């Protein structure tokens, strides 16, 4: 299996699994971001994971913009949007799949 396809499969998993985990919250509270962040940061363990995700998201955005431009990639907004809507688990493998596709097209 090509790396591009592995990354796409990971993107699907990284989109579905977190979405499945957040559905009960959304059903009960809707898109109440204040409550979501309040619950996320209400314990030291939650704060650890919350800060990890925020820093990882920042790193992903820098990677997408720097490496994406260097590689001459298009649609760099897509991994950033995936990151905003789902998380790093969706945005990072999407970017890596897009990068592999770009590298394949350059070598063809």
Protein backbone atom coordinates (compact mmCIF):
# COMPACT_ATOMS: atom_id res chain seq x y z
CA UNK A 1 0.00 0.00 0.00
CA UNK A 2 1.32 3.44 -0.93
CA UNK A 3 2.08 5.91 1.88
CA UNK A 4 -0.50 8.30 0.40
CA UNK A 5 -3.24 5.71 0.90
CA UNK A 6 -2.05 4.81 4.40
CA UNK A 7 -2.23 8.48 5.35
CA UNK A 8 -5.72 8.75 3.84
CA UNK A 9 -6.89 5.74 5.87
CA UNK A 10 -5.41 7.33 9.00
CA UNK A 11 -7.20 10.57 8.13
CA UNK A 12 -10.51 8.72 7.95
CA UNK A 13 -9.85 7.01 11.29
CA UNK A 14 -8.62 10.29 12.76
CA UNK A 15 -11.86 11.95 11.72
CA UNK A 16 -14.38 9.25 12.65
CA UNK A 17 -13.01 8.20 16.06
CA UNK A 18 -12.83 11.70 17.62
CA UNK A 19 -16.20 12.61 16.08
CA UNK A 20 -17.73 9.50 17.62
CA UNK A 21 -16.25 10.43 21.01
CA UNK A 22 -17.64 13.99 20.97
CA UNK A 23 -21.16 13.12 19.74
CA UNK A 24 -22.64 12.52 23.24
CA UNK A 25 -21.43 15.97 24.35
CA UNK A 26 -22.85 17.63 21.22
CA UNK A 27 -26.21 15.87 21.64
CA UNK A 28 -26.49 17.05 25.24
CA UNK A 29 -24.98 20.55 25.04
CA UNK A 30 -24.78 21.50 21.38
CA UNK A 31 -21.70 23.39 20.24
CA UNK A 32 -21.07 25.05 23.61
CA UNK A 33 -17.34 25.75 23.24
CA UNK A 34 -17.10 27.48 26.61
CA UNK A 35 -18.44 24.37 28.37
CA UNK A 36 -16.31 22.07 26.22
CA UNK A 37 -13.10 23.88 27.18
CA UNK A 38 -14.25 24.19 30.79
CA UNK A 39 -14.70 20.42 30.98
CA UNK A 40 -11.48 19.75 29.07
CA UNK A 41 -9.37 21.84 31.43
CA UNK A 42 -11.20 20.88 34.65
CA UNK A 43 -8.61 18.26 35.65
CA UNK A 44 -4.81 18.17 35.40
CA UNK A 45 -4.99 15.17 33.05
CA UNK A 46 -7.51 16.92 30.83
CA UNK A 47 -5.42 20.10 30.84
CA UNK A 48 -2.37 18.07 29.81
CA UNK A 49 -4.19 16.63 26.79
CA UNK A 50 -5.80 19.97 25.97
CA UNK A 51 -2.48 21.81 25.96
CA UNK A 52 -0.88 18.99 23.96
CA UNK A 53 -3.57 19.30 21.29
CA UNK A 54 -3.30 23.09 21.15
CA UNK A 55 0.50 23.03 20.76
CA UNK A 56 0.30 20.16 18.25
CA UNK A 57 -2.22 22.15 16.23
CA UNK A 58 0.11 25.14 16.12
CA UNK A 59 2.96 22.89 14.98
CA UNK A 60 0.71 21.40 12.30
CA UNK A 61 -0.22 24.84 10.96
CA UNK A 62 3.43 25.85 10.71
CA UNK A 63 4.27 22.54 9.01
CA UNK A 64 1.41 22.91 6.53
CA UNK A 65 2.31 26.48 5.61
CA UNK A 66 6.11 26.09 5.48
CA UNK A 67 6.40 22.63 3.92
CA UNK A 68 3.29 23.03 1.79
CA UNK A 69 4.59 26.22 0.19
CA UNK A 70 8.08 24.75 -0.20
CA UNK A 71 6.60 21.75 -2.04
CA UNK A 72 4.33 23.97 -4.17
CA UNK A 73 1.20 22.31 -2.82
CA UNK A 74 -2.31 23.63 -3.43
CA UNK A 75 -5.31 23.69 -1.11
CA UNK A 76 -3.27 24.16 2.06
CA UNK A 77 -6.46 25.38 3.73
CA UNK A 78 -7.85 21.80 3.76
CA UNK A 79 -5.60 20.33 6.50
CA UNK A 80 -6.02 23.50 8.58
CA UNK A 81 -9.81 23.27 8.24
CA UNK A 82 -9.68 19.55 9.15
CA UNK A 83 -7.64 20.51 12.20
CA UNK A 84 -10.17 23.16 13.24
CA UNK A 85 -13.21 20.94 12.68
CA UNK A 86 -11.82 17.68 14.09
CA UNK A 87 -8.23 17.94 15.28
CA UNK A 88 -4.63 17.05 14.58
CA UNK A 89 -5.72 13.43 14.09
CA UNK A 90 -7.53 14.54 10.93
CA UNK A 91 -5.42 17.45 9.69
CA UNK A 92 -1.97 15.87 9.96
CA UNK A 93 -2.65 12.69 7.97
CA UNK A 94 -4.58 14.74 5.39
CA UNK A 95 -1.56 17.00 4.92
CA UNK A 96 0.82 14.02 4.72
CA UNK A 97 -1.40 12.37 2.10
CA UNK A 98 -1.50 15.59 0.09
CA UNK A 99 2.29 15.91 0.35
CA UNK A 100 2.78 12.33 -0.85
CA UNK A 101 0.49 13.01 -3.81
CA UNK A 102 2.53 16.11 -4.65
CA UNK A 103 5.81 14.18 -4.41
CA UNK A 104 4.38 11.44 -6.65
CA UNK A 105 3.32 14.01 -9.26
CA UNK A 106 6.78 15.60 -9.24
CA UNK A 107 8.56 12.28 -9.79
CA UNK A 108 6.20 11.17 -12.58
